[in-house]
Amino acid sequence: MPKTSARLLSLLSLLQARRDWPGALLAERLRVSPRTVRRDVDRLRELGYPIAASKGPDGGYRLAAGSNLPPLLFDDEQAVALAIALQVAVTAGAGIEEAAARALHTVRQVMPARLRGRIDTLQITAVERPTTRPDPPVDRGVLMALSAAVHAREVLRFDYVPAVAPGETDDAAQSPPRRVQPHHLVTWGGRWYLVAWDLDREDWRTFRVDRITPRVPTGPRFVPRELPGGDVAAFVANRFRGASRSGDWPCRGEVILDLPAAVVSRYLRDGVVEALGPDRCRLVLGSWSWAGLATAIGRFEADFTVVGPAELKDACARLARRYADA
C-alpha cells in the first residue's frame, strides 16, 4: 500500500480527472479498501477540498465547488497549458496583467525542472499596433458582467460612450441606455468588443468594452439569433474592414496593371490577380472607399488602366488633381 501522502495525491488526481467516481472503483484503482478510501476522502475534506458523497449501492464521490480555492493538482500537459495561457493573459489587455504575472510566477516555482525548461523556451511578446495613444484599460468587472450576460442569454442595458470626432461635442450623457442581446465577447487588435443585436436599431452592432457601463439588473432571457455567416471571427473581420454582411467590400474595382501577376500577388492579402502576359495582369480589388481603393492600386508604382466602375475612375481623377496641387 502506498504511503498516505502519496495515496492522497493519487486520490485527488483521480477525482479531478472525471466528474463522478464510484467508491468501489476508486478503491480498485488505488489498491486499497473502500474503508481506506472513505478515510482518505475525510482527510482531503480537512485540507479544504469539497468532496461530495452519495450513498447507496452505486454511491460514490465527486469533487465539487467550494467557497475557497484549495491547492490543485495538474498533470504535465495541464501545467504547461496553464503556463502558456498565463503568458498570453499577461498581454491580453483585460486588466488582469499583474495577477496573471503573479500566477505565472507561482506556477513556475512549483514546476519540476523538466517542465520549467519547456516553459522557459516559450516567450510570448505582444506586438503593439501603431497608434498615437495607448488603448484604454478594460475593467475586469465589466468583462465579467458582459460574459455572464452572454452565457445566460439575458438582455443587457448599458450606457455607451461613442467615439467623438474632433470638433464635436460628447452628448453621451443625454443618450438613452442601449438595449442589446449579447452574443459574443471578442478581442480585435488588442481591444475587447461586444458583438450584440441592438434591439432599438434592429441590427447587429459591435461595442468597445472600455466604453460600456453596464446597468443592473439585466433584462429577460432571449433566444439567440443566428449571426450573419455563422462565424463570429469572419463577422467581426468584415465589420472592421468595412465590408457588408455578405463579406464583400463596399467598393470593388478592376484595373489592368503593367506588372507581372507574380509580383502583384506577393503584396495582396485578398483580391484576384489574373496574368495577361509576362508584364501585365488583371487585378480585382476591394476597399472601404473609392479613394482608398485608388490609393491601394497606386501603391504598386506602375501604370494602370481602370476597367471599372466609373466611381473608381472618378476617384483616380480626384487623387490625380490633389497630388498635382500638392
Protein backbone atom coordinates (compact mmCIF):
# COMPACT_ATOMS: atom_id res chain seq x y z
CA MET A 1 0.00 0.00 0.00
CA PRO A 2 1.45 3.43 -0.89
CA LYS A 3 2.13 5.95 1.86
CA THR A 4 -0.77 8.14 2.96
CA SER A 5 0.57 11.36 1.40
CA ALA A 6 1.22 9.70 -1.98
CA ARG A 7 -2.18 7.99 -1.84
CA LEU A 8 -3.94 11.30 -1.13
CA LEU A 9 -2.31 12.89 -4.18
CA SER A 10 -3.35 9.93 -6.31
CA LEU A 11 -6.90 10.14 -5.00
CA LEU A 12 -7.03 13.89 -5.70
CA SER A 13 -5.74 13.35 -9.22
CA LEU A 14 -8.44 10.74 -9.89
CA LEU A 15 -11.20 12.97 -8.52
CA GLN A 16 -10.10 15.80 -10.85
CA ALA A 17 -9.97 13.50 -13.88
CA ARG A 18 -13.72 12.77 -14.09
CA ARG A 19 -16.97 14.03 -12.63
CA ASP A 20 -18.20 11.01 -10.61
CA TRP A 21 -16.28 8.10 -9.11
CA PRO A 22 -17.95 5.01 -7.61
CA GLY A 23 -16.32 4.19 -4.28
CA ALA A 24 -15.56 0.62 -5.29
CA LEU A 25 -13.80 1.78 -8.48
CA LEU A 26 -11.68 4.26 -6.54
CA ALA A 27 -10.66 1.53 -4.12
CA GLU A 28 -9.72 -0.73 -7.02
CA ARG A 29 -7.65 1.97 -8.75
CA LEU A 30 -5.82 2.86 -5.54
CA ARG A 31 -5.48 -0.81 -4.47
CA VAL A 32 -6.96 -0.13 -1.04
CA SER A 33 -10.18 -1.00 0.76
CA PRO A 34 -13.36 1.10 0.47
CA ARG A 35 -12.89 1.98 4.16
CA THR A 36 -9.45 3.46 3.40
CA VAL A 37 -10.98 5.49 0.57
CA ARG A 38 -13.54 6.94 3.00
CA ARG A 39 -10.78 7.90 5.46
CA ASP A 40 -8.70 9.50 2.68
CA VAL A 41 -11.71 11.46 1.48
CA ASP A 42 -12.19 12.80 5.02
CA ARG A 43 -8.51 13.84 5.10
CA LEU A 44 -8.91 15.75 1.83
CA ARG A 45 -12.00 17.47 3.21
CA GLU A 46 -9.96 18.60 6.22
CA LEU A 47 -7.47 20.16 3.79
CA GLY A 48 -10.26 22.19 2.18
CA TYR A 49 -11.30 20.02 -0.76
CA PRO A 50 -15.13 19.99 -1.11
CA ILE A 51 -15.82 16.33 -1.89
CA ALA A 52 -19.48 15.36 -2.11
CA ALA A 53 -20.55 11.79 -1.39
CA SER A 54 -23.65 9.87 -2.48
CA LYS A 55 -24.94 6.83 -0.61
CA GLY A 56 -26.40 3.56 -1.83
CA PRO A 57 -25.15 0.58 -3.84
CA ASP A 58 -23.91 2.89 -6.60
CA GLY A 59 -22.66 5.56 -4.21
CA GLY A 60 -19.52 7.43 -4.95
CA TYR A 61 -17.60 10.70 -4.72
CA ARG A 62 -17.41 13.97 -6.63
CA LEU A 63 -15.03 16.91 -6.33
CA ALA A 64 -17.42 19.85 -6.01
CA ALA A 65 -17.03 23.61 -5.97
CA GLY A 66 -16.41 25.22 -2.60
CA SER A 67 -16.14 28.65 -1.01
CA ASN A 68 -12.33 28.63 -1.07
CA LEU A 69 -9.82 27.61 -3.73
CA PRO A 70 -7.80 24.66 -2.38
CA PRO A 71 -4.45 23.55 -3.83
CA LEU A 72 -4.91 21.93 -7.24
CA LEU A 73 -3.06 19.08 -8.87
CA PHE A 74 -2.15 19.26 -12.56
CA ASP A 75 -0.61 16.67 -14.84
CA ASP A 76 2.33 17.69 -17.05
CA GLU A 77 0.28 18.76 -20.06
CA GLN A 78 -2.19 20.72 -17.93
CA ALA A 79 0.65 22.55 -16.19
CA VAL A 80 2.27 23.53 -19.50
CA ALA A 81 -1.07 24.64 -20.95
CA LEU A 82 -1.78 26.73 -17.84
CA ALA A 83 1.61 28.45 -18.02
CA ILE A 84 1.15 29.26 -21.72
CA ALA A 85 -2.35 30.65 -21.07
CA LEU A 86 -0.99 32.83 -18.27
CA GLN A 87 1.73 34.21 -20.56
CA VAL A 88 -0.97 35.14 -23.08
CA ALA A 89 -3.09 36.70 -20.31
CA VAL A 90 -0.19 38.96 -19.33
CA THR A 91 -0.53 40.63 -22.75
CA ALA A 92 -4.33 40.42 -23.09
CA GLY A 93 -5.19 43.98 -22.09
CA ALA A 94 -8.04 42.76 -19.88
CA GLY A 95 -6.88 44.40 -16.65
CA ILE A 96 -5.52 41.12 -15.27
CA GLU A 97 -1.90 41.52 -16.33
CA GLU A 98 -0.44 41.88 -12.82
CA ALA A 99 -2.48 38.99 -11.39
CA ALA A 100 -1.59 36.78 -14.36
CA ALA A 101 2.12 37.57 -13.95
CA ARG A 102 1.97 36.64 -10.24
CA ALA A 103 0.08 33.44 -11.01
CA LEU A 104 2.62 32.52 -13.69
CA HIS A 105 5.47 33.04 -11.20
CA THR A 106 3.69 30.83 -8.64
CA VAL A 107 3.04 28.03 -11.15
CA ARG A 108 6.60 28.15 -12.48
CA GLN A 109 8.06 27.99 -8.95
CA VAL A 110 6.48 24.63 -8.16
CA MET A 111 7.08 23.05 -11.57
CA PRO A 112 9.61 20.24 -11.87
CA ALA A 113 12.75 21.16 -13.79
CA ARG A 114 11.70 19.23 -16.91
CA LEU A 115 8.52 21.30 -17.25
CA ARG A 116 10.14 24.59 -16.26
CA GLY A 117 12.58 24.16 -19.12
CA ARG A 118 9.73 23.73 -21.62
CA ILE A 119 8.04 26.90 -20.36
CA ASP A 120 11.23 29.00 -20.33
CA THR A 121 11.82 28.27 -24.02
CA LEU A 122 8.45 29.85 -24.90
CA GLN A 123 8.44 33.62 -24.63
CA ILE A 124 5.30 35.40 -25.85
CA THR A 125 5.73 39.00 -26.92
CA ALA A 126 2.85 41.40 -27.51
CA VAL A 127 3.26 43.33 -30.74
CA GLU A 128 1.71 46.76 -30.28
CA ARG A 129 -0.38 48.23 -33.05
CA PRO A 130 0.84 51.55 -34.50
CA THR A 131 -1.14 54.16 -32.59
CA THR A 132 -0.80 57.70 -31.32
CA ARG A 133 -2.12 56.79 -27.88
CA PRO A 134 -2.35 53.60 -25.80
CA ASP A 135 -5.55 51.61 -25.66
CA PRO A 136 -7.65 52.42 -22.57
CA PRO A 137 -7.74 49.71 -19.89
CA VAL A 138 -10.75 47.41 -19.60
CA ASP A 139 -12.44 46.96 -16.23
CA ARG A 140 -12.42 43.32 -15.14
CA GLY A 141 -15.83 43.71 -13.53
CA VAL A 142 -17.30 44.89 -16.83
CA LEU A 143 -15.75 41.93 -18.67
CA MET A 144 -17.23 39.51 -16.14
CA ALA A 145 -20.67 41.17 -16.29
CA LEU A 146 -20.77 41.04 -20.09
CA SER A 147 -19.52 37.47 -20.15
CA ALA A 148 -22.19 36.43 -17.65
CA ALA A 149 -24.93 38.03 -19.75
CA VAL A 150 -23.66 36.31 -22.90
CA HIS A 151 -23.63 32.96 -21.11
CA ALA A 152 -27.07 33.43 -19.52
CA ARG A 153 -28.57 34.87 -22.75
CA GLU A 154 -30.02 37.84 -20.92
CA VAL A 155 -30.78 41.25 -22.42
CA LEU A 156 -28.18 43.86 -21.46
CA ARG A 157 -28.76 47.51 -20.71
CA PHE A 158 -25.72 49.78 -20.63
CA ASP A 159 -24.53 53.33 -21.09
CA TYR A 160 -22.20 53.73 -24.03
CA VAL A 161 -19.71 56.47 -24.86
CA PRO A 162 -19.31 56.59 -28.66
CA ALA A 163 -16.23 57.88 -30.44
CA VAL A 164 -16.25 61.68 -30.74
CA ALA A 165 -14.72 63.27 -33.82
CA PRO A 166 -12.58 66.41 -33.40
CA GLY A 167 -14.76 69.49 -33.06
CA GLU A 168 -17.84 67.51 -31.99
CA THR A 169 -19.38 67.52 -28.51
CA ASP A 170 -19.92 64.45 -26.39
CA ASP A 171 -23.66 64.11 -25.76
CA ALA A 172 -23.43 60.57 -24.35
CA ALA A 173 -24.83 61.77 -21.03
CA GLN A 174 -28.14 62.62 -22.74
CA SER A 175 -28.27 59.40 -24.75
CA PRO A 176 -30.66 56.68 -23.55
CA PRO A 177 -29.12 53.37 -22.45
CA ARG A 178 -28.52 50.78 -25.16
CA ARG A 179 -30.58 47.58 -25.09
CA VAL A 180 -28.95 44.60 -26.74
CA GLN A 181 -28.97 40.83 -26.94
CA PRO A 182 -25.31 40.00 -26.24
CA HIS A 183 -23.85 37.16 -28.30
CA HIS A 184 -20.05 37.19 -28.20
CA LEU A 185 -17.19 38.83 -26.34
CA VAL A 186 -14.17 39.08 -28.64
CA THR A 187 -10.75 40.70 -28.91
CA TRP A 188 -9.60 42.51 -32.05
CA GLY A 189 -6.36 44.43 -32.48
CA GLY A 190 -5.67 44.42 -28.74
CA ARG A 191 -9.13 45.71 -27.78
CA TRP A 192 -12.22 43.99 -26.36
CA TYR A 193 -15.55 44.19 -28.18
CA LEU A 194 -19.10 43.02 -27.51
CA VAL A 195 -20.98 41.63 -30.53
CA ALA A 196 -24.71 42.06 -29.97
CA TRP A 197 -28.09 42.53 -31.61
CA ASP A 198 -29.26 46.10 -30.93
CA LEU A 199 -32.94 45.89 -30.02
CA ASP A 200 -33.69 49.56 -30.75
CA ARG A 201 -31.80 49.77 -34.05
CA GLU A 202 -32.76 46.22 -35.09
CA ASP A 203 -29.30 45.43 -36.40
CA TRP A 204 -26.02 43.82 -35.39
CA ARG A 205 -23.54 46.09 -33.62
CA THR A 206 -20.03 45.86 -32.15
CA PHE A 207 -19.33 47.88 -28.98
CA ARG A 208 -15.96 48.69 -27.45
CA VAL A 209 -15.96 47.24 -23.95
CA ASP A 210 -13.91 50.10 -22.46
CA ARG A 211 -16.79 52.45 -23.38
CA ILE A 212 -19.51 50.30 -21.77
CA THR A 213 -21.01 50.89 -18.32
CA PRO A 214 -23.49 48.06 -17.59
CA ARG A 215 -26.77 48.75 -15.84
CA VAL A 216 -28.41 46.34 -13.42
CA PRO A 217 -30.43 44.29 -13.35
CA THR A 218 -30.16 42.53 -16.70
CA GLY A 219 -33.29 42.02 -18.80
CA PRO A 220 -35.25 38.91 -19.75
CA ARG A 221 -33.73 35.84 -21.37
CA PHE A 222 -33.79 35.59 -25.16
CA VAL A 223 -33.43 33.01 -27.91
CA PRO A 224 -30.15 33.77 -29.72
CA ARG A 225 -30.36 34.96 -33.31
CA GLU A 226 -28.15 33.46 -35.98
CA LEU A 227 -25.08 35.59 -36.58
CA PRO A 228 -24.66 36.56 -40.28
CA GLY A 229 -22.37 34.00 -41.83
CA GLY A 230 -22.47 31.88 -38.68
CA ASP A 231 -18.80 32.59 -37.85
CA VAL A 232 -18.06 35.32 -35.31
CA ALA A 233 -14.42 35.73 -36.41
CA ALA A 234 -15.38 36.33 -40.06
CA PHE A 235 -18.25 38.61 -38.99
CA VAL A 236 -16.01 40.83 -36.86
CA ALA A 237 -13.26 40.91 -39.50
CA ASN A 238 -15.75 42.02 -42.15
CA ARG A 239 -17.21 44.71 -39.91
CA PHE A 240 -13.83 46.22 -39.10
CA ARG A 241 -12.65 46.33 -42.67
CA GLY A 242 -15.92 48.00 -43.67
CA ALA A 243 -17.33 45.07 -45.60
CA SER A 244 -21.02 44.33 -45.97
CA ARG A 245 -22.88 41.44 -44.36
CA SER A 246 -22.12 39.27 -47.37
CA GLY A 247 -18.44 39.61 -46.57
CA ASP A 248 -17.70 41.69 -49.69
CA TRP A 249 -16.09 45.12 -49.71
CA PRO A 250 -18.45 48.07 -50.23
CA CYS A 251 -16.18 49.32 -53.04
CA ARG A 252 -14.69 46.91 -55.59
CA GLY A 253 -12.98 47.72 -58.88
CA GLU A 254 -10.96 46.23 -61.72
CA VAL A 255 -7.76 47.52 -63.34
CA ILE A 256 -5.07 46.37 -65.77
CA LEU A 257 -1.63 46.75 -64.18
CA ASP A 258 1.67 46.92 -66.08
CA LEU A 259 3.26 44.41 -63.69
CA PRO A 260 3.69 40.62 -63.73
CA ALA A 261 0.95 38.76 -61.84
CA ALA A 262 3.59 37.02 -59.70
CA VAL A 263 4.85 40.39 -58.42
CA VAL A 264 1.39 41.78 -57.64
CA SER A 265 0.16 38.67 -55.84
CA ARG A 266 3.01 38.86 -53.31
CA TYR A 267 1.59 42.09 -51.88
CA LEU A 268 -2.11 41.16 -51.68
CA ARG A 269 -3.96 39.89 -48.64
CA ASP A 270 -7.14 39.49 -50.66
CA GLY A 271 -8.07 40.23 -54.24
CA VAL A 272 -7.95 38.39 -57.54
CA VAL A 273 -4.95 38.57 -59.89
CA GLU A 274 -5.03 37.18 -63.45
CA ALA A 275 -1.95 37.08 -65.69
CA LEU A 276 -2.43 38.75 -69.08
CA GLY A 277 1.14 38.26 -70.27
CA PRO A 278 4.68 38.36 -68.93
CA ASP A 279 4.41 42.01 -67.78
CA ARG A 280 0.66 42.68 -67.42
CA CYS A 281 -2.12 41.41 -65.18
CA ARG A 282 -5.76 41.99 -64.32
CA LEU A 283 -6.41 42.99 -60.68
CA VAL A 284 -9.81 42.93 -58.96
CA LEU A 285 -9.56 44.53 -55.52
CA GLY A 286 -11.86 45.86 -52.79
CA SER A 287 -11.66 48.61 -50.20
CA TRP A 288 -13.79 50.55 -47.72
CA SER A 289 -13.93 53.63 -50.04
CA TRP A 290 -13.24 54.51 -53.67
CA ALA A 291 -10.41 56.83 -52.65
CA GLY A 292 -8.92 54.06 -50.53
CA LEU A 293 -9.16 51.66 -53.47
CA ALA A 294 -7.47 54.13 -55.83
CA THR A 295 -4.70 54.66 -53.29
CA ALA A 296 -4.19 50.90 -52.84
CA ILE A 297 -3.77 50.48 -56.60
CA GLY A 298 -1.39 53.42 -56.81
CA ARG A 299 1.00 51.91 -54.28
CA PHE A 300 2.16 49.39 -56.89
CA GLU A 301 4.01 52.27 -58.63
CA ALA A 302 3.08 51.03 -62.09
CA ASP A 303 0.98 52.35 -64.97
CA PHE A 304 -2.57 51.01 -64.97
CA THR A 305 -5.86 51.27 -66.81
CA VAL A 306 -9.17 51.38 -64.97
CA VAL A 307 -11.63 48.85 -66.36
CA GLY A 308 -14.40 49.93 -64.00
CA PRO A 309 -16.57 51.02 -62.41
CA ALA A 310 -16.98 54.73 -63.06
CA GLU A 311 -16.65 55.51 -59.33
CA LEU A 312 -13.08 54.19 -59.37
CA LYS A 313 -12.23 56.31 -62.45
CA ASP A 314 -13.59 59.42 -60.69
CA ALA A 315 -11.62 58.64 -57.53
CA CYS A 316 -8.40 58.32 -59.54
CA ALA A 317 -9.07 61.67 -61.21
CA ARG A 318 -9.69 63.38 -57.86
CA LEU A 319 -6.49 61.95 -56.42
CA ALA A 320 -4.53 62.99 -59.51
CA ARG A 321 -5.68 66.61 -59.08
CA ARG A 322 -4.98 66.53 -55.35
CA TYR A 323 -1.47 65.15 -55.84
CA ALA A 324 -0.76 67.64 -58.64
CA ASP A 325 -1.85 70.54 -56.43
CA ALA A 326 0.36 69.25 -53.64
